[in-house]
């Protein structure tokens, strides 16, 4: 039988959705991102966050929003394409992309062609070395277009 600790339930804690938790986020020192990317060496992973869903799950704690406003989705995707090019241009010579993950939200909240354009951008900008690809999809909104 496990021991019950009611005092732990009384302690306020941030809602866990990632680590570090959102309460720990803040402004970064000047040049911190560039230094972190420049320090990448060997095998690296890419994570592309698609913060949209067709409908929000009642239990979801992820950083996401409904995909109903196309202008917002298109603006985000344009910024993501810029970030792909920028990050790739800052990688040092020895970096090799071995893992690529799409998550969210749900990447199938964008159009299949928009996802393919992101994949094309990754191929065009990053040094890929037989990467493993993964994607989180919402089965409620999968259509034949995604097959």
Foldseek 3Di string as FASTA:
>chain_A
DDDDDVVVVVDDDDDDDDPPDPVPDDDDPPCPVLVVQQPAAAEDEEEAEQQEACDDDPPDPFNHYHCPDVVVNVVVLVVVLVVLQVSLVSHDPRYEYAEYEYEHNFPVSDQPVSVVVVVVSNVVRHHYDPHDYYGDHDVVPDDPSVD
